[in-house]
Amino acid sequence: AMGVPPLTPEELALADTALDRSAPRSEVMSSKFKMDITRDNLLCLLPSTWLNDEVINFWFKMLQERCDGIENGPSCYFSNSFFWNT
């Protein structure tokens, strides 16, 4: 069975920096897909917190980019989560 490989020390350090509650929450951690993801957005990835639409949509864009980059890969479409009605 395939598992998820453990994070490298560099990846752990990057995650700790991005999720540092004492650092400025408005700091942009990633800017891609015409979206800015701030530390405040990423803090929703901590345990016992609600996911926010910005993080979900950013992840969908990353998945779409990955699917689009696979030659003869599957056709994928990820809709914007703001279209969902709860």
C-alpha atoms as a PDB file:
ATOM      1  CA  ALA A   1       0.000   0.000   0.000  1.00  0.00           C
ATOM      2  CA  MET A   2       1.195   3.476  -0.846  1.00  0.00           C
ATOM      3  CA  GLY A   3       1.420   5.972   1.952  1.00  0.00           C
ATOM      4  CA  VAL A   4       2.178   9.613   2.290  1.00  0.00           C
ATOM      5  CA  PRO A   5       5.909  10.185   2.725  1.00  0.00           C
ATOM      6  CA  PRO A   6       6.925  12.075   5.860  1.00  0.00           C
ATOM      7  CA  LEU A   7       7.786  15.736   5.521  1.00  0.00           C
ATOM      8  CA  THR A   8      11.435  16.640   5.184  1.00  0.00           C
ATOM      9  CA  PRO A   9      13.003  18.899   7.823  1.00  0.00           C
ATOM     10  CA  GLU A  10      12.856  21.764   5.306  1.00  0.00           C
ATOM     11  CA  GLU A  11       9.137  21.160   4.676  1.00  0.00           C
ATOM     12  CA  LEU A  12       8.447  21.007   8.423  1.00  0.00           C
ATOM     13  CA  ALA A  13      10.284  24.313   8.930  1.00  0.00           C
ATOM     14  CA  LEU A  14       8.292  25.911   6.100  1.00  0.00           C
ATOM     15  CA  ALA A  15       4.999  24.685   7.601  1.00  0.00           C
ATOM     16  CA  ASP A  16       5.988  25.958  11.057  1.00  0.00           C
ATOM     17  CA  THR A  17       6.782  29.380   9.579  1.00  0.00           C
ATOM     18  CA  ALA A  18       3.513  29.541   7.622  1.00  0.00           C
ATOM     19  CA  LEU A  19       1.430  28.499  10.647  1.00  0.00           C
ATOM     20  CA  ASP A  20       3.190  30.712  13.213  1.00  0.00           C
ATOM     21  CA  ARG A  21       0.371  32.468  15.090  1.00  0.00           C
ATOM     22  CA  SER A  22       2.750  35.118  16.431  1.00  0.00           C
ATOM     23  CA  ALA A  23       3.792  36.272  12.931  1.00  0.00           C
ATOM     24  CA  PRO A  24       1.809  38.876  10.929  1.00  0.00           C
ATOM     25  CA  ARG A  25      -1.445  37.283   9.792  1.00  0.00           C
ATOM     26  CA  SER A  26      -1.665  39.480   6.692  1.00  0.00           C
ATOM     27  CA  GLU A  27       1.672  38.236   5.320  1.00  0.00           C
ATOM     28  CA  VAL A  28       1.222  36.668   1.878  1.00  0.00           C
ATOM     29  CA  MET A  29       2.561  33.112   1.984  1.00  0.00           C
ATOM     30  CA  SER A  30       1.802  32.225  -1.640  1.00  0.00           C
ATOM     31  CA  SER A  31       0.735  34.211  -4.668  1.00  0.00           C
ATOM     32  CA  LYS A  32      -0.381  32.165  -7.643  1.00  0.00           C
ATOM     33  CA  PHE A  33      -3.458  31.665  -9.838  1.00  0.00           C
ATOM     34  CA  LYS A  34      -4.299  35.374  -9.351  1.00  0.00           C
ATOM     35  CA  MET A  35      -4.793  34.577  -5.661  1.00  0.00           C
ATOM     36  CA  ASP A  36      -2.902  35.650  -2.555  1.00  0.00           C
ATOM     37  CA  ILE A  37      -2.918  33.180   0.320  1.00  0.00           C
ATOM     38  CA  THR A  38      -2.075  34.831   3.623  1.00  0.00           C
ATOM     39  CA  ARG A  39      -0.925  33.303   6.874  1.00  0.00           C
ATOM     40  CA  ASP A  40      -4.409  34.030   8.204  1.00  0.00           C
ATOM     41  CA  ASN A  41      -5.883  31.884   5.402  1.00  0.00           C
ATOM     42  CA  LEU A  42      -3.476  29.040   6.177  1.00  0.00           C
ATOM     43  CA  LEU A  43      -4.252  29.036   9.883  1.00  0.00           C
ATOM     44  CA  CYS A  44      -7.487  27.257   8.991  1.00  0.00           C
ATOM     45  CA  LEU A  45      -5.311  24.173   8.391  1.00  0.00           C
ATOM     46  CA  LEU A  46      -4.632  23.839  12.107  1.00  0.00           C
ATOM     47  CA  PRO A  47      -6.590  21.219  14.063  1.00  0.00           C
ATOM     48  CA  SER A  48     -10.137  22.036  15.202  1.00  0.00           C
ATOM     49  CA  THR A  49     -10.609  24.927  12.758  1.00  0.00           C
ATOM     50  CA  TRP A  50     -12.907  25.389   9.792  1.00  0.00           C
ATOM     51  CA  LEU A  51     -11.449  25.363   6.297  1.00  0.00           C
ATOM     52  CA  ASN A  52     -11.957  28.585   4.380  1.00  0.00           C
ATOM     53  CA  ASP A  53     -12.923  29.019   0.745  1.00  0.00           C
ATOM     54  CA  GLU A  54      -9.661  30.692  -0.248  1.00  0.00           C
ATOM     55  CA  VAL A  55      -7.599  27.669   0.820  1.00  0.00           C
ATOM     56  CA  ILE A  56     -10.046  25.224  -0.808  1.00  0.00           C
ATOM     57  CA  ASN A  57     -10.051  27.183  -4.083  1.00  0.00           C
ATOM     58  CA  PHE A  58      -6.255  27.473  -4.064  1.00  0.00           C
ATOM     59  CA  TRP A  59      -5.992  23.696  -3.594  1.00  0.00           C
ATOM     60  CA  PHE A  60      -8.459  23.147  -6.458  1.00  0.00           C
ATOM     61  CA  LYS A  61      -6.332  25.387  -8.705  1.00  0.00           C
ATOM     62  CA  MET A  62      -3.227  23.368  -7.771  1.00  0.00           C
ATOM     63  CA  LEU A  63      -5.044  20.117  -8.586  1.00  0.00           C
ATOM     64  CA  GLN A  64      -6.272  21.555 -11.905  1.00  0.00           C
ATOM     65  CA  GLU A  65      -2.733  22.629 -12.809  1.00  0.00           C
ATOM     66  CA  ARG A  66      -1.452  19.146 -11.975  1.00  0.00           C
ATOM     67  CA  CYS A  67      -4.165  17.452 -14.059  1.00  0.00           C
ATOM     68  CA  ASP A  68      -3.596  19.805 -16.991  1.00  0.00           C
ATOM     69  CA  GLY A  69       0.133  19.008 -16.920  1.00  0.00           C
ATOM     70  CA  ILE A  70      -0.303  15.244 -17.358  1.00  0.00           C
ATOM     71  CA  GLU A  71       0.040  14.242 -20.989  1.00  0.00           C
ATOM     72  CA  ASN A  72      -2.859  11.956 -21.961  1.00  0.00           C
ATOM     73  CA  GLY A  73      -4.086  12.306 -18.379  1.00  0.00           C
ATOM     74  CA  PRO A  74      -7.664  12.422 -17.178  1.00  0.00           C
ATOM     75  CA  SER A  75      -9.925  15.339 -17.918  1.00  0.00           C
ATOM     76  CA  CYS A  76     -10.518  17.195 -14.664  1.00  0.00           C
ATOM     77  CA  TYR A  77     -12.546  20.210 -13.661  1.00  0.00           C
ATOM     78  CA  PHE A  78     -12.602  21.771 -10.208  1.00  0.00           C
ATOM     79  CA  SER A  79     -15.287  24.384  -9.640  1.00  0.00           C
ATOM     80  CA  ASN A  80     -14.925  27.411  -7.453  1.00  0.00           C
ATOM     81  CA  SER A  81     -16.246  26.639  -3.956  1.00  0.00           C
ATOM     82  CA  PHE A  82     -18.140  29.933  -3.896  1.00  0.00           C
ATOM     83  CA  PHE A  83     -20.671  28.280  -6.232  1.00  0.00           C
ATOM     84  CA  TRP A  84     -21.635  25.817  -3.526  1.00  0.00           C
ATOM     85  CA  ASN A  85     -24.657  26.569  -1.446  1.00  0.00           C
ATOM     86  CA  THR A  86     -24.784  25.354   2.148  1.00  0.00           C
END
